[in-house]
Amino acid sequence: MNSHRSMPPAVETYFTSANKSRLEAFTSAFDKDALILDNHREIKGMEAIKSWCEAEILEPNVTFEIVDMDDINNTIVVFAKVDGD
C-alpha cells in the first residue's frame, strides 16, 4: 500500500465492514444523501445503498483484499482483489 497516505476512515470502514458482512457499519461510511455509481447504475440515498449492499456485497459474500491505495488528483483510489460467490 502507498505508505505516504493513510486510508480515510470512511474508506477503511467500507472495506472492513464489507469483509465482515456488517451492514450497519458498512452504511455508516456513507452520508444519507450519498450516490454510488456501480456498473453504469446510480444508487442514491441510504435505503437504496442498504439494498445494494445486501444484494451486491453481503449476499454473494464479496470480500476485498486491499493491494494499494493512492491519491490521484485529490481522489482516493483503492486497488483491491475482489472475491466472492
Protein backbone atom coordinates (compact mmCIF):
# COMPACT_ATOMS: atom_id res chain seq x y z
CA MET A 1 0.00 0.00 0.00
CA ASN A 2 1.11 3.54 -0.64
CA SER A 3 2.89 4.39 2.60
CA HIS A 4 2.68 8.15 2.03
CA ARG A 5 -1.00 8.39 2.90
CA SER A 6 -3.28 6.64 5.35
CA MET A 7 -6.68 5.39 4.31
CA PRO A 8 -9.50 7.82 5.16
CA PRO A 9 -11.76 6.44 7.93
CA ALA A 10 -14.87 6.17 5.72
CA VAL A 11 -12.94 4.21 3.09
CA GLU A 12 -11.50 1.90 5.71
CA THR A 13 -14.99 1.39 7.20
CA TYR A 14 -16.34 0.49 3.76
CA PHE A 15 -13.82 -2.30 3.19
CA THR A 16 -13.60 -3.59 6.76
CA SER A 17 -17.36 -3.81 7.26
CA ALA A 18 -17.91 -5.37 3.83
CA ASN A 19 -15.35 -8.05 4.65
CA LYS A 20 -17.09 -8.73 7.98
CA SER A 21 -20.63 -8.63 6.46
CA ARG A 22 -21.73 -5.84 8.80
CA LEU A 23 -24.49 -3.87 7.07
CA GLU A 24 -24.93 -1.09 9.64
CA ALA A 25 -21.20 -0.45 9.85
CA PHE A 26 -20.99 -0.51 6.05
CA THR A 27 -23.72 2.09 5.60
CA SER A 28 -22.14 4.32 8.26
CA ALA A 29 -19.39 5.02 5.71
CA PHE A 30 -21.90 6.99 3.61
CA ASP A 31 -23.69 10.30 4.01
CA LYS A 32 -27.50 9.99 3.99
CA ASP A 33 -27.59 11.56 0.51
CA ALA A 34 -24.66 9.57 -0.90
CA LEU A 35 -24.55 8.50 -4.53
CA ILE A 36 -22.86 5.28 -5.64
CA LEU A 37 -22.01 4.70 -9.28
CA ASP A 38 -21.82 0.96 -9.91
CA ASN A 39 -21.74 -0.64 -13.36
CA HIS A 40 -23.43 2.35 -15.00
CA ARG A 41 -26.14 2.42 -12.32
CA GLU A 42 -26.81 5.15 -9.77
CA ILE A 43 -27.61 4.08 -6.22
CA LYS A 44 -28.77 7.14 -4.27
CA GLY A 45 -29.83 7.51 -0.65
CA MET A 46 -29.44 5.31 2.40
CA GLU A 47 -32.28 2.84 1.70
CA ALA A 48 -31.04 2.22 -1.82
CA ILE A 49 -27.46 1.83 -0.56
CA LYS A 50 -28.58 -0.71 2.07
CA SER A 51 -30.45 -2.73 -0.55
CA TRP A 52 -27.49 -2.55 -2.93
CA CYS A 53 -25.07 -3.64 -0.20
CA GLU A 54 -27.22 -6.60 0.80
CA ALA A 55 -27.74 -7.80 -2.78
CA GLU A 56 -24.36 -6.95 -4.32
CA ILE A 57 -21.88 -7.36 -1.47
CA LEU A 58 -23.25 -9.28 1.52
CA GLU A 59 -25.41 -11.93 -0.18
CA PRO A 60 -22.67 -13.02 -2.61
CA ASN A 61 -20.07 -12.88 0.21
CA VAL A 62 -17.87 -10.35 -1.56
CA THR A 63 -14.53 -9.71 0.12
CA PHE A 64 -11.82 -7.22 -0.67
CA GLU A 65 -8.07 -7.59 -0.21
CA ILE A 66 -6.52 -4.14 -0.39
CA VAL A 67 -3.49 -4.16 -2.67
CA ASP A 68 -2.71 -0.45 -2.89
CA MET A 69 -4.16 2.99 -2.35
CA ASP A 70 -3.28 6.32 -3.87
CA ASP A 71 -4.49 9.89 -4.04
CA ILE A 72 -4.91 10.77 -7.70
CA ASN A 73 -5.98 14.35 -8.39
CA ASN A 74 -7.43 14.63 -4.87
CA THR A 75 -9.45 11.42 -5.32
CA ILE A 76 -8.77 8.33 -3.21
CA VAL A 77 -8.22 5.32 -5.46
CA VAL A 78 -8.13 1.86 -3.87
CA PHE A 79 -6.84 -1.16 -5.74
CA ALA A 80 -8.21 -4.42 -4.35
CA LYS A 81 -8.52 -8.09 -5.18
CA VAL A 82 -12.21 -8.97 -5.09
CA ASP A 83 -13.57 -12.44 -4.33
CA GLY A 84 -16.98 -13.90 -3.56
CA ASP A 85 -19.66 -16.30 -4.70
